Amino acid sequence: MKVADVARATGMSKTTLHKLYNGQSTRIDFETLEKLCVLLNVEVGDLLKFKQEE
């Protein structure tokens, strides 16, 4: 799935999606998580992974 496809399906900006994809986001809101989970038919835990800072 291309970023443009996700942007069209969710109404999210391509910039936001590129930042998420490239690990450049510093935060993510619940609405964004919900849109991605619904589109991809996954749970939040399938998208996020906790990584403890060293």
Protein backbone atom coordinates (compact mmCIF):
# COMPACT_ATOMS: atom_id res chain seq x y z
CA MET A 1 0.00 0.00 0.00
CA LYS A 2 1.39 3.40 -0.94
CA VAL A 3 1.37 6.47 1.29
CA ALA A 4 -0.98 8.17 -1.17
CA ASP A 5 -3.44 5.27 -0.82
CA VAL A 6 -3.40 5.54 2.98
CA ALA A 7 -3.78 9.33 2.80
CA ARG A 8 -6.81 9.02 0.53
CA ALA A 9 -8.43 6.30 2.64
CA THR A 10 -7.88 8.01 6.00
CA GLY A 11 -7.90 11.71 5.17
CA MET A 12 -4.49 12.04 6.83
CA SER A 13 -1.76 14.18 5.27
CA LYS A 14 1.05 12.58 3.33
CA THR A 15 3.54 14.50 5.49
CA THR A 16 2.15 12.94 8.66
CA LEU A 17 2.20 9.49 7.13
CA HIS A 18 5.76 9.87 5.84
CA LYS A 19 6.92 10.95 9.32
CA LEU A 20 5.24 7.94 10.90
CA TYR A 21 6.65 5.55 8.31
CA ASN A 22 10.18 6.91 8.64
CA GLY A 23 10.14 7.01 12.45
CA GLN A 24 10.40 10.80 12.58
CA SER A 25 7.24 11.46 14.61
CA THR A 26 7.59 12.41 18.24
CA ARG A 27 3.97 11.63 19.08
CA ILE A 28 0.82 10.07 17.65
CA ASP A 29 -2.74 10.88 18.64
CA PHE A 30 -5.57 8.44 19.25
CA GLU A 31 -7.51 9.54 16.16
CA THR A 32 -4.53 8.73 13.95
CA LEU A 33 -4.11 5.32 15.59
CA GLU A 34 -7.79 4.59 15.15
CA LYS A 35 -7.78 5.51 11.45
CA LEU A 36 -4.76 3.31 10.78
CA CYS A 37 -6.15 0.38 12.77
CA VAL A 38 -9.49 0.53 10.98
CA LEU A 39 -7.87 0.80 7.55
CA LEU A 40 -5.41 -2.02 8.16
CA ASN A 41 -7.81 -4.12 10.25
CA VAL A 42 -5.29 -4.48 13.09
CA GLU A 43 -5.03 -3.73 16.81
CA VAL A 44 -2.96 -0.89 18.26
CA GLY A 45 -0.40 -3.41 19.53
CA ASP A 46 0.17 -4.55 15.97
CA LEU A 47 1.32 -1.02 15.04
CA LEU A 48 3.30 0.01 18.11
CA LYS A 49 6.24 -1.49 19.91
CA PHE A 50 7.67 -0.23 23.20
CA LYS A 51 11.39 0.40 23.07
CA GLN A 52 13.03 1.45 26.32
CA GLU A 53 15.62 4.18 25.98
CA GLU A 54 19.10 3.28 27.08
